[in-house]
Amino acid sequence: MKSVSVFAPASVANVNCGYDVLGFAVHRPGDEVHMSLNGSGVVSIDHIGGDDDRLPRDPAKNSVSAVVINYLKHIGSEQGLGIKLYKKMPFGSGLGSSAASAVGGLVAVNELMGNPLTRMELLPFAMEGERIACGNAHADNVAPSLLGGIILIRSYDPLDVISLPVPDQLCSGLVYPHVEIPTMAARQIIRTSVPMSSAIRQWGNVGGLVAGLFTNDAGLIGRSLVDHIVEPVRKMLIPHFDEMRTIALEYGALGFGISGSGPTVFALCTDENTAGIVTTALGAKLKQHGLGSTCYVSQINKKGATVIETG
């Protein structure tokens, strides 16, 4: 094998109550990474499409290539590689754009090297890609993009990642209002301390959400999709947030919240039809306010990043 193409999906981080510890993967949007072997002895970025020249071309500073460089050092290889990255998701959207790039690069290089590392062993490398991109090595985007499904990060030190059950037909409607919220800026406004009463309610919701997934209890899942800590601050950055939440719940969503740092919002629903109805209604409401949006409907992606072509 001399070349490989990988699709790495977008992801919804936090899932309301699980700031930095919960996330799930979707089927679209996502990034594509095309990678080929060469005799140069270095890792190069040969092309980036869809970024409007916003991403660094220096391989050490771009998450798609920086993680590959670290990976090759780890396995003791001096293999030369050329990378083509096709960005097929919006920047600053809260959908894990940098995570998808890092994951795509790692899955591609691991495939070309004969898969010496497991997906779980690739995760720390992907987290370092997040550190390069946004200054924080969190896993709630890279883990679901890499592993698929709904992921709980029980601990960061030591790293302890758990795949949670995904109820059949569980589906997410995603609405990206056409405004941009940089991840670093969104993290800076979060309070560094919270009242004990808020923490207790948040812990209860995390436990309730996990229990609801294990028991396939839609009502419990819905009751648990409440964020008492981060959403009250971040929602101020998202136009018409409270109005959208009211609409989503009225049209049958189990819960509604901010995807990652926003401005994308998500509505978790029991089936694809409901997710489509909710998403259409939210997009129409934003249009009434003179704001464009991009909408996606996707069941939970249980596979994560996938190899789509080899050569």
C-alpha atoms as a PDB file:
ATOM      1  CA  MET A   1       0.000   0.000   0.000  1.00  0.00           C
ATOM      2  CA  LYS A   2       1.398   3.379  -1.042  1.00  0.00           C
ATOM      3  CA  SER A   3      -1.544   5.677  -0.410  1.00  0.00           C
ATOM      4  CA  VAL A   4      -4.677   5.886   1.700  1.00  0.00           C
ATOM      5  CA  SER A   5      -7.709   8.131   2.090  1.00  0.00           C
ATOM      6  CA  VAL A   6      -9.538   8.497   5.402  1.00  0.00           C
ATOM      7  CA  PHE A   7     -12.796  10.147   6.412  1.00  0.00           C
ATOM      8  CA  ALA A   8     -12.832  11.542   9.961  1.00  0.00           C
ATOM      9  CA  PRO A   9     -16.234  12.621  11.284  1.00  0.00           C
ATOM     10  CA  ALA A  10     -17.336  15.692  13.171  1.00  0.00           C
ATOM     11  CA  SER A  11     -18.297  15.292  16.797  1.00  0.00           C
ATOM     12  CA  VAL A  12     -20.504  16.852  19.449  1.00  0.00           C
ATOM     13  CA  ALA A  13     -18.528  17.522  22.616  1.00  0.00           C
ATOM     14  CA  ASN A  14     -19.804  18.050  26.172  1.00  0.00           C
ATOM     15  CA  VAL A  15     -23.335  16.744  25.426  1.00  0.00           C
ATOM     16  CA  ASN A  16     -24.757  19.380  27.779  1.00  0.00           C
ATOM     17  CA  CYS A  17     -23.796  18.099  31.229  1.00  0.00           C
ATOM     18  CA  GLY A  18     -20.435  16.486  30.416  1.00  0.00           C
ATOM     19  CA  TYR A  19     -18.026  19.360  29.873  1.00  0.00           C
ATOM     20  CA  ASP A  20     -14.738  17.919  28.530  1.00  0.00           C
ATOM     21  CA  VAL A  21     -15.781  14.353  29.455  1.00  0.00           C
ATOM     22  CA  LEU A  22     -18.597  13.414  27.032  1.00  0.00           C
ATOM     23  CA  GLY A  23     -18.863  13.425  23.248  1.00  0.00           C
ATOM     24  CA  PHE A  24     -20.392  11.583  20.332  1.00  0.00           C
ATOM     25  CA  ALA A  25     -19.560  11.184  16.648  1.00  0.00           C
ATOM     26  CA  VAL A  26     -21.879  11.933  13.732  1.00  0.00           C
ATOM     27  CA  HIS A  27     -21.837  10.737  10.115  1.00  0.00           C
ATOM     28  CA  ARG A  28     -21.542  14.196   8.612  1.00  0.00           C
ATOM     29  CA  PRO A  29     -19.907  16.602   8.211  1.00  0.00           C
ATOM     30  CA  GLY A  30     -16.252  15.596   8.439  1.00  0.00           C
ATOM     31  CA  ASP A  31     -12.775  15.899   6.914  1.00  0.00           C
ATOM     32  CA  GLU A  32     -10.933  13.798   4.355  1.00  0.00           C
ATOM     33  CA  VAL A  33      -7.198  13.132   4.552  1.00  0.00           C
ATOM     34  CA  HIS A  34      -5.302  11.681   1.591  1.00  0.00           C
ATOM     35  CA  MET A  35      -1.794  10.446   2.430  1.00  0.00           C
ATOM     36  CA  SER A  36       0.934   8.888   0.292  1.00  0.00           C
ATOM     37  CA  LEU A  37       4.381   7.425   0.910  1.00  0.00           C
ATOM     38  CA  ASN A  38       7.433   9.054  -0.640  1.00  0.00           C
ATOM     39  CA  GLY A  39      11.200   8.947  -0.338  1.00  0.00           C
ATOM     40  CA  SER A  40      11.712  12.463   1.019  1.00  0.00           C
ATOM     41  CA  GLY A  41      12.207  11.446   4.641  1.00  0.00           C
ATOM     42  CA  VAL A  42       9.949  14.302   5.786  1.00  0.00           C
ATOM     43  CA  VAL A  43       6.247  14.910   6.353  1.00  0.00           C
ATOM     44  CA  SER A  44       4.851  17.563   4.022  1.00  0.00           C
ATOM     45  CA  ILE A  45       1.488  19.207   3.457  1.00  0.00           C
ATOM     46  CA  ASP A  46       0.982  19.089  -0.287  1.00  0.00           C
ATOM     47  CA  HIS A  47      -2.500  20.573  -0.409  1.00  0.00           C
ATOM     48  CA  ILE A  48      -5.254  21.924   1.822  1.00  0.00           C
ATOM     49  CA  GLY A  49      -8.681  22.498   0.358  1.00  0.00           C
ATOM     50  CA  GLY A  50     -11.706  24.188   1.847  1.00  0.00           C
ATOM     51  CA  ASP A  51      -9.891  26.327   4.408  1.00  0.00           C
ATOM     52  CA  ASP A  52      -9.712  29.657   2.529  1.00  0.00           C
ATOM     53  CA  ASP A  53      -5.967  29.707   3.288  1.00  0.00           C
ATOM     54  CA  ARG A  54      -6.610  29.953   7.026  1.00  0.00           C
ATOM     55  CA  LEU A  55      -4.645  26.922   8.194  1.00  0.00           C
ATOM     56  CA  PRO A  56      -0.856  26.865   8.650  1.00  0.00           C
ATOM     57  CA  ARG A  57       1.113  25.108   5.921  1.00  0.00           C
ATOM     58  CA  ASP A  58       4.036  24.464   8.275  1.00  0.00           C
ATOM     59  CA  PRO A  59       3.772  20.711   9.052  1.00  0.00           C
ATOM     60  CA  ALA A  60       4.834  21.288  12.665  1.00  0.00           C
ATOM     61  CA  LYS A  61       1.991  23.741  13.259  1.00  0.00           C
ATOM     62  CA  ASN A  62      -0.930  22.043  11.531  1.00  0.00           C
ATOM     63  CA  SER A  63      -2.744  19.401  13.588  1.00  0.00           C
ATOM     64  CA  VAL A  64      -3.103  16.980  10.656  1.00  0.00           C
ATOM     65  CA  SER A  65       0.649  16.759  10.118  1.00  0.00           C
ATOM     66  CA  ALA A  66       2.017  17.519  13.592  1.00  0.00           C
ATOM     67  CA  VAL A  67       0.361  14.396  15.009  1.00  0.00           C
ATOM     68  CA  VAL A  68       1.805  12.345  12.143  1.00  0.00           C
ATOM     69  CA  ILE A  69       5.319  13.635  12.889  1.00  0.00           C
ATOM     70  CA  ASN A  70       4.925  12.655  16.564  1.00  0.00           C
ATOM     71  CA  TYR A  71       3.534   9.257  15.597  1.00  0.00           C
ATOM     72  CA  LEU A  72       6.470   8.482  13.293  1.00  0.00           C
ATOM     73  CA  LYS A  73       8.946   9.485  16.017  1.00  0.00           C
ATOM     74  CA  HIS A  74       7.147   7.166  18.429  1.00  0.00           C
ATOM     75  CA  ILE A  75       7.410   4.127  16.157  1.00  0.00           C
ATOM     76  CA  GLY A  76      10.959   4.993  15.125  1.00  0.00           C
ATOM     77  CA  SER A  77      10.243   5.626  11.460  1.00  0.00           C
ATOM     78  CA  GLU A  78      11.809   8.175   9.102  1.00  0.00           C
ATOM     79  CA  GLN A  79       9.267   7.510   6.367  1.00  0.00           C
ATOM     80  CA  GLY A  80       8.469  10.439   4.109  1.00  0.00           C
ATOM     81  CA  LEU A  81       4.799  11.275   3.646  1.00  0.00           C
ATOM     82  CA  GLY A  82       2.750  13.722   1.588  1.00  0.00           C
ATOM     83  CA  ILE A  83      -0.587  14.882   3.013  1.00  0.00           C
ATOM     84  CA  LYS A  84      -3.616  16.378   1.315  1.00  0.00           C
ATOM     85  CA  LEU A  85      -6.302  17.693   3.654  1.00  0.00           C
ATOM     86  CA  TYR A  86      -9.815  18.457   2.477  1.00  0.00           C
ATOM     87  CA  LYS A  87     -11.758  20.489   5.023  1.00  0.00           C
ATOM     88  CA  LYS A  88     -15.436  19.694   4.622  1.00  0.00           C
ATOM     89  CA  MET A  89     -16.724  21.295   7.791  1.00  0.00           C
ATOM     90  CA  PRO A  90     -16.894  24.880   9.042  1.00  0.00           C
ATOM     91  CA  PHE A  91     -14.209  26.468  11.213  1.00  0.00           C
ATOM     92  CA  GLY A  92     -15.015  27.665  14.709  1.00  0.00           C
ATOM     93  CA  SER A  93     -18.319  25.814  14.566  1.00  0.00           C
ATOM     94  CA  GLY A  94     -18.070  23.646  17.673  1.00  0.00           C
ATOM     95  CA  LEU A  95     -18.077  20.458  15.578  1.00  0.00           C
ATOM     96  CA  GLY A  96     -14.500  19.391  16.238  1.00  0.00           C
ATOM     97  CA  SER A  97     -12.831  20.603  13.051  1.00  0.00           C
ATOM     98  CA  SER A  98      -9.255  20.382  14.333  1.00  0.00           C
ATOM     99  CA  ALA A  99     -10.036  17.043  15.981  1.00  0.00           C
ATOM    100  CA  ALA A 100     -11.235  15.550  12.692  1.00  0.00           C
ATOM    101  CA  SER A 101      -8.040  16.669  10.946  1.00  0.00           C
ATOM    102  CA  ALA A 102      -5.818  15.157  13.624  1.00  0.00           C
ATOM    103  CA  VAL A 103      -7.777  11.908  13.717  1.00  0.00           C
ATOM    104  CA  GLY A 104      -7.768  11.612   9.933  1.00  0.00           C
ATOM    105  CA  GLY A 105      -4.005  12.052   9.819  1.00  0.00           C
ATOM    106  CA  LEU A 106      -3.372   9.461  12.521  1.00  0.00           C
ATOM    107  CA  VAL A 107      -5.668   6.800  11.099  1.00  0.00           C
ATOM    108  CA  ALA A 108      -4.111   7.334   7.668  1.00  0.00           C
ATOM    109  CA  VAL A 109      -0.486   7.054   8.785  1.00  0.00           C
ATOM    110  CA  ASN A 110      -1.257   4.086  11.024  1.00  0.00           C
ATOM    111  CA  GLU A 111      -2.877   2.322   8.076  1.00  0.00           C
ATOM    112  CA  LEU A 112       0.149   3.000   5.848  1.00  0.00           C
ATOM    113  CA  MET A 113       2.497   1.699   8.546  1.00  0.00           C
ATOM    114  CA  GLY A 114       0.538  -1.555   8.902  1.00  0.00           C
ATOM    115  CA  ASN A 115      -1.573  -0.552  11.941  1.00  0.00           C
ATOM    116  CA  PRO A 116       1.051  -1.126  14.658  1.00  0.00           C
ATOM    117  CA  LEU A 117      -1.050   0.886  17.144  1.00  0.00           C
ATOM    118  CA  THR A 118      -4.633   0.328  18.232  1.00  0.00           C
ATOM    119  CA  ARG A 119      -7.206   3.117  17.987  1.00  0.00           C
ATOM    120  CA  MET A 120      -6.987   3.582  21.749  1.00  0.00           C
ATOM    121  CA  GLU A 121      -3.199   3.901  21.504  1.00  0.00           C
ATOM    122  CA  LEU A 122      -3.644   6.607  18.864  1.00  0.00           C
ATOM    123  CA  LEU A 123      -5.820   8.711  21.179  1.00  0.00           C
ATOM    124  CA  PRO A 124      -3.019  10.489  23.132  1.00  0.00           C
ATOM    125  CA  PHE A 125      -1.451  11.571  19.827  1.00  0.00           C
ATOM    126  CA  ALA A 126      -4.794  12.994  18.684  1.00  0.00           C
ATOM    127  CA  MET A 127      -5.152  14.867  21.972  1.00  0.00           C
ATOM    128  CA  GLU A 128      -1.809  16.547  21.367  1.00  0.00           C
ATOM    129  CA  GLY A 129      -3.175  17.682  18.020  1.00  0.00           C
ATOM    130  CA  GLU A 130      -5.916  19.474  19.939  1.00  0.00           C
ATOM    131  CA  ARG A 131      -3.285  21.145  22.105  1.00  0.00           C
ATOM    132  CA  ILE A 132      -1.586  22.475  18.969  1.00  0.00           C
ATOM    133  CA  ALA A 133      -4.876  23.718  17.527  1.00  0.00           C
ATOM    134  CA  CYS A 134      -6.543  25.290  20.561  1.00  0.00           C
ATOM    135  CA  GLY A 135      -4.147  25.107  23.493  1.00  0.00           C
ATOM    136  CA  ASN A 136      -5.911  22.317  25.408  1.00  0.00           C
ATOM    137  CA  ALA A 137      -5.416  18.567  25.002  1.00  0.00           C
ATOM    138  CA  HIS A 138      -9.034  17.606  25.639  1.00  0.00           C
ATOM    139  CA  ALA A 139     -10.432  14.332  24.290  1.00  0.00           C
ATOM    140  CA  ASP A 140     -14.183  14.902  24.009  1.00  0.00           C
ATOM    141  CA  ASN A 141     -13.916  15.581  20.253  1.00  0.00           C
ATOM    142  CA  VAL A 142     -10.983  13.409  19.210  1.00  0.00           C
ATOM    143  CA  ALA A 143     -12.121  10.316  21.115  1.00  0.00           C
ATOM    144  CA  PRO A 144     -15.550   9.982  19.438  1.00  0.00           C
ATOM    145  CA  SER A 145     -14.132  10.984  16.043  1.00  0.00           C
ATOM    146  CA  LEU A 146     -11.470   8.285  16.385  1.00  0.00           C
ATOM    147  CA  LEU A 147     -13.436   5.548  18.152  1.00  0.00           C
ATOM    148  CA  GLY A 148     -17.022   6.289  17.150  1.00  0.00           C
ATOM    149  CA  GLY A 149     -20.147   6.191  19.287  1.00  0.00           C
ATOM    150  CA  ILE A 150     -20.746   8.014  22.554  1.00  0.00           C
ATOM    151  CA  ILE A 151     -17.611   8.363  24.658  1.00  0.00           C
ATOM    152  CA  LEU A 152     -17.051   9.082  28.358  1.00  0.00           C
ATOM    153  CA  ILE A 153     -13.624  10.279  29.451  1.00  0.00           C
ATOM    154  CA  ARG A 154     -13.675   9.128  33.070  1.00  0.00           C
ATOM    155  CA  SER A 155     -10.172  10.397  33.763  1.00  0.00           C
ATOM    156  CA  TYR A 156      -7.444  12.335  31.964  1.00  0.00           C
ATOM    157  CA  ASP A 157      -4.608  11.346  34.301  1.00  0.00           C
ATOM    158  CA  PRO A 158      -4.368   8.451  33.837  1.00  0.00           C
ATOM    159  CA  LEU A 159      -6.386   8.465  30.611  1.00  0.00           C
ATOM    160  CA  ASP A 160      -9.487   6.276  31.012  1.00  0.00           C
ATOM    161  CA  VAL A 161     -11.939   6.291  28.112  1.00  0.00           C
ATOM    162  CA  ILE A 162     -15.196   4.326  28.008  1.00  0.00           C
ATOM    163  CA  SER A 163     -17.530   3.618  25.084  1.00  0.00           C
ATOM    164  CA  LEU A 164     -21.164   3.960  26.173  1.00  0.00           C
ATOM    165  CA  PRO A 165     -24.150   2.129  24.669  1.00  0.00           C
ATOM    166  CA  VAL A 166     -25.939   3.854  21.788  1.00  0.00           C
ATOM    167  CA  PRO A 167     -29.709   3.268  21.714  1.00  0.00           C
ATOM    168  CA  ASP A 168     -31.024   2.197  18.315  1.00  0.00           C
ATOM    169  CA  GLN A 169     -32.193   5.064  16.097  1.00  0.00           C
ATOM    170  CA  LEU A 170     -30.809   7.765  18.438  1.00  0.00           C
ATOM    171  CA  CYS A 171     -30.250  10.731  16.154  1.00  0.00           C
ATOM    172  CA  SER A 172     -28.899  14.249  16.334  1.00  0.00           C
ATOM    173  CA  GLY A 173     -30.029  17.323  14.471  1.00  0.00           C
ATOM    174  CA  LEU A 174     -27.251  19.899  14.113  1.00  0.00           C
ATOM    175  CA  VAL A 175     -27.732  23.560  13.250  1.00  0.00           C
ATOM    176  CA  TYR A 176     -24.713  25.762  12.601  1.00  0.00           C
ATOM    177  CA  PRO A 177     -25.651  29.463  12.660  1.00  0.00           C
ATOM    178  CA  HIS A 178     -23.310  31.363  10.373  1.00  0.00           C
ATOM    179  CA  VAL A 179     -21.318  33.035  13.107  1.00  0.00           C
ATOM    180  CA  GLU A 180     -17.921  31.916  14.384  1.00  0.00           C
ATOM    181  CA  ILE A 181     -16.863  31.374  17.986  1.00  0.00           C
ATOM    182  CA  PRO A 182     -13.146  30.561  18.420  1.00  0.00           C
ATOM    183  CA  THR A 183     -12.652  27.708  20.881  1.00  0.00           C
ATOM    184  CA  MET A 184     -10.055  29.580  22.939  1.00  0.00           C
ATOM    185  CA  ALA A 185     -12.367  32.561  23.407  1.00  0.00           C
ATOM    186  CA  ALA A 186     -15.263  30.308  24.389  1.00  0.00           C
ATOM    187  CA  ARG A 187     -13.137  28.549  27.006  1.00  0.00           C
ATOM    188  CA  GLN A 188     -11.901  31.810  28.515  1.00  0.00           C
ATOM    189  CA  ILE A 189     -15.373  32.948  29.589  1.00  0.00           C
ATOM    190  CA  ILE A 190     -16.086  29.804  31.609  1.00  0.00           C
ATOM    191  CA  ARG A 191     -16.030  30.234  35.369  1.00  0.00           C
ATOM    192  CA  THR A 192     -13.125  28.543  37.141  1.00  0.00           C
ATOM    193  CA  SER A 193     -15.205  27.804  40.239  1.00  0.00           C
ATOM    194  CA  VAL A 194     -18.872  26.872  40.617  1.00  0.00           C
ATOM    195  CA  PRO A 195     -21.286  26.651  43.561  1.00  0.00           C
ATOM    196  CA  MET A 196     -21.521  23.234  45.164  1.00  0.00           C
ATOM    197  CA  SER A 197     -25.270  23.167  44.468  1.00  0.00           C
ATOM    198  CA  SER A 198     -24.628  23.522  40.725  1.00  0.00           C
ATOM    199  CA  ALA A 199     -21.929  20.851  40.796  1.00  0.00           C
ATOM    200  CA  ILE A 200     -24.244  18.412  42.565  1.00  0.00           C
ATOM    201  CA  ARG A 201     -26.976  18.890  39.962  1.00  0.00           C
ATOM    202  CA  GLN A 202     -24.423  18.486  37.186  1.00  0.00           C
ATOM    203  CA  TRP A 203     -23.046  15.243  38.632  1.00  0.00           C
ATOM    204  CA  GLY A 204     -26.579  13.918  38.879  1.00  0.00           C
ATOM    205  CA  ASN A 205     -27.225  14.694  35.231  1.00  0.00           C
ATOM    206  CA  VAL A 206     -24.018  13.022  34.047  1.00  0.00           C
ATOM    207  CA  GLY A 207     -24.932   9.907  36.020  1.00  0.00           C
ATOM    208  CA  GLY A 208     -28.502  10.061  34.755  1.00  0.00           C
ATOM    209  CA  LEU A 209     -27.411  10.381  31.131  1.00  0.00           C
ATOM    210  CA  VAL A 210     -25.056   7.395  31.412  1.00  0.00           C
ATOM    211  CA  ALA A 211     -27.780   5.358  33.137  1.00  0.00           C
ATOM    212  CA  GLY A 212     -30.308   6.365  30.475  1.00  0.00           C
ATOM    213  CA  LEU A 213     -27.990   5.175  27.706  1.00  0.00           C
ATOM    214  CA  PHE A 214     -27.424   1.831  29.419  1.00  0.00           C
ATOM    215  CA  THR A 215     -31.127   1.255  30.063  1.00  0.00           C
ATOM    216  CA  ASN A 216     -32.351   2.792  26.785  1.00  0.00           C
ATOM    217  CA  ASP A 217     -34.590   5.110  28.807  1.00  0.00           C
ATOM    218  CA  ALA A 218     -35.410   8.057  26.522  1.00  0.00           C
ATOM    219  CA  GLY A 219     -37.144   9.968  29.296  1.00  0.00           C
ATOM    220  CA  LEU A 220     -34.127   9.718  31.596  1.00  0.00           C
ATOM    221  CA  ILE A 221     -31.797  10.733  28.771  1.00  0.00           C
ATOM    222  CA  GLY A 222     -33.925  13.801  28.114  1.00  0.00           C
ATOM    223  CA  ARG A 223     -34.164  14.830  31.788  1.00  0.00           C
ATOM    224  CA  SER A 224     -30.390  14.531  32.107  1.00  0.00           C
ATOM    225  CA  LEU A 225     -29.512  16.711  29.100  1.00  0.00           C
ATOM    226  CA  VAL A 226     -29.265  19.851  31.216  1.00  0.00           C
ATOM    227  CA  ASP A 227     -26.132  21.935  31.780  1.00  0.00           C
ATOM    228  CA  HIS A 228     -26.085  24.040  34.947  1.00  0.00           C
ATOM    229  CA  ILE A 229     -22.481  25.251  34.619  1.00  0.00           C
ATOM    230  CA  VAL A 230     -21.223  26.033  31.096  1.00  0.00           C
ATOM    231  CA  GLU A 231     -24.343  26.661  28.999  1.00  0.00           C
ATOM    232  CA  PRO A 232     -25.621  29.630  31.060  1.00  0.00           C
ATOM    233  CA  VAL A 233     -22.428  31.502  30.123  1.00  0.00           C
ATOM    234  CA  ARG A 234     -21.793  30.269  26.588  1.00  0.00           C
ATOM    235  CA  LYS A 235     -25.356  30.639  25.339  1.00  0.00           C
ATOM    236  CA  MET A 236     -24.899  34.400  25.363  1.00  0.00           C
ATOM    237  CA  LEU A 237     -22.535  33.988  22.389  1.00  0.00           C
ATOM    238  CA  ILE A 238     -25.157  32.142  20.320  1.00  0.00           C
ATOM    239  CA  PRO A 239     -27.927  34.167  18.663  1.00  0.00           C
ATOM    240  CA  HIS A 240     -31.497  33.212  19.677  1.00  0.00           C
ATOM    241  CA  PHE A 241     -30.349  30.248  21.763  1.00  0.00           C
ATOM    242  CA  ASP A 242     -33.243  30.138  24.230  1.00  0.00           C
ATOM    243  CA  GLU A 243     -35.772  30.536  21.439  1.00  0.00           C
ATOM    244  CA  MET A 244     -34.207  27.633  19.553  1.00  0.00           C
ATOM    245  CA  ARG A 245     -34.275  25.424  22.627  1.00  0.00           C
ATOM    246  CA  THR A 246     -37.983  26.094  23.131  1.00  0.00           C
ATOM    247  CA  ILE A 247     -38.690  25.177  19.503  1.00  0.00           C
ATOM    248  CA  ALA A 248     -36.577  22.009  19.640  1.00  0.00           C
ATOM    249  CA  LEU A 249     -38.360  20.678  22.705  1.00  0.00           C
ATOM    250  CA  GLU A 250     -41.789  21.616  21.324  1.00  0.00           C
ATOM    251  CA  TYR A 251     -41.036  19.623  18.161  1.00  0.00           C
ATOM    252  CA  GLY A 252     -40.088  16.501  20.105  1.00  0.00           C
ATOM    253  CA  ALA A 253     -36.358  16.633  20.875  1.00  0.00           C
ATOM    254  CA  LEU A 254     -35.193  14.784  23.973  1.00  0.00           C
ATOM    255  CA  GLY A 255     -32.787  17.593  24.748  1.00  0.00           C
ATOM    256  CA  PHE A 256     -31.094  20.610  23.232  1.00  0.00           C
ATOM    257  CA  GLY A 257     -27.692  22.130  23.808  1.00  0.00           C
ATOM    258  CA  ILE A 258     -24.459  23.616  22.535  1.00  0.00           C
ATOM    259  CA  SER A 259     -22.126  21.464  20.473  1.00  0.00           C
ATOM    260  CA  GLY A 260     -18.677  21.960  21.958  1.00  0.00           C
ATOM    261  CA  SER A 261     -17.926  25.660  22.241  1.00  0.00           C
ATOM    262  CA  GLY A 262     -20.652  26.576  19.720  1.00  0.00           C
ATOM    263  CA  PRO A 263     -22.211  28.213  17.858  1.00  0.00           C
ATOM    264  CA  THR A 264     -23.526  24.905  16.491  1.00  0.00           C
ATOM    265  CA  VAL A 265     -26.440  23.612  18.541  1.00  0.00           C
ATOM    266  CA  PHE A 266     -27.696  20.060  18.635  1.00  0.00           C
ATOM    267  CA  ALA A 267     -31.036  18.426  19.316  1.00  0.00           C
ATOM    268  CA  LEU A 268     -30.853  14.806  20.446  1.00  0.00           C
ATOM    269  CA  CYS A 269     -33.882  12.876  19.219  1.00  0.00           C
ATOM    270  CA  THR A 270     -35.285   9.361  19.384  1.00  0.00           C
ATOM    271  CA  ASP A 271     -35.357   8.952  15.593  1.00  0.00           C
ATOM    272  CA  GLU A 272     -34.185  10.489  12.337  1.00  0.00           C
ATOM    273  CA  ASN A 273     -37.611  11.787  11.322  1.00  0.00           C
ATOM    274  CA  THR A 274     -37.965  13.841  14.503  1.00  0.00           C
ATOM    275  CA  ALA A 275     -34.410  15.153  14.153  1.00  0.00           C
ATOM    276  CA  GLY A 276     -35.214  16.289  10.613  1.00  0.00           C
ATOM    277  CA  ILE A 277     -38.366  18.101  11.692  1.00  0.00           C
ATOM    278  CA  VAL A 278     -36.585  19.822  14.580  1.00  0.00           C
ATOM    279  CA  THR A 279     -33.619  20.844  12.446  1.00  0.00           C
ATOM    280  CA  THR A 280     -35.827  22.286   9.714  1.00  0.00           C
ATOM    281  CA  ALA A 281     -37.785  24.316  12.252  1.00  0.00           C
ATOM    282  CA  LEU A 282     -34.611  25.707  13.827  1.00  0.00           C
ATOM    283  CA  GLY A 283     -33.124  26.670  10.471  1.00  0.00           C
ATOM    284  CA  ALA A 284     -36.377  28.404   9.507  1.00  0.00           C
ATOM    285  CA  LYS A 285     -36.445  30.369  12.756  1.00  0.00           C
ATOM    286  CA  LEU A 286     -32.890  31.602  12.251  1.00  0.00           C
ATOM    287  CA  LYS A 287     -33.798  32.624   8.696  1.00  0.00           C
ATOM    288  CA  GLN A 288     -36.692  34.677  10.090  1.00  0.00           C
ATOM    289  CA  HIS A 289     -34.123  36.534  12.165  1.00  0.00           C
ATOM    290  CA  GLY A 290     -32.004  37.185   9.062  1.00  0.00           C
ATOM    291  CA  LEU A 291     -29.321  34.669   9.988  1.00  0.00           C
ATOM    292  CA  GLY A 292     -28.117  31.938   7.654  1.00  0.00           C
ATOM    293  CA  SER A 293     -27.389  28.434   8.896  1.00  0.00           C
ATOM    294  CA  THR A 294     -26.230  25.000   7.800  1.00  0.00           C
ATOM    295  CA  CYS A 295     -28.158  21.984   9.025  1.00  0.00           C
ATOM    296  CA  TYR A 296     -27.225  18.314   9.348  1.00  0.00           C
ATOM    297  CA  VAL A 297     -29.178  15.272  10.483  1.00  0.00           C
ATOM    298  CA  SER A 298     -27.225  12.217  11.559  1.00  0.00           C
ATOM    299  CA  GLN A 299     -27.618   9.103  13.618  1.00  0.00           C
ATOM    300  CA  ILE A 300     -24.775   8.481  16.050  1.00  0.00           C
ATOM    301  CA  ASN A 301     -21.714   7.318  14.108  1.00  0.00           C
ATOM    302  CA  LYS A 302     -20.634   4.100  15.821  1.00  0.00           C
ATOM    303  CA  LYS A 303     -17.504   3.507  13.698  1.00  0.00           C
ATOM    304  CA  GLY A 304     -15.603   6.782  13.882  1.00  0.00           C
ATOM    305  CA  ALA A 305     -12.888   7.470  11.321  1.00  0.00           C
ATOM    306  CA  THR A 306     -12.897   5.099   8.346  1.00  0.00           C
ATOM    307  CA  VAL A 307     -10.546   4.197   5.528  1.00  0.00           C
ATOM    308  CA  ILE A 308     -12.366   5.028   2.291  1.00  0.00           C
ATOM    309  CA  GLU A 309      -9.688   4.164  -0.296  1.00  0.00           C
ATOM    310  CA  THR A 310      -6.256   2.576  -0.559  1.00  0.00           C
ATOM    311  CA  GLY A 311      -3.796   2.455  -3.409  1.00  0.00           C
END
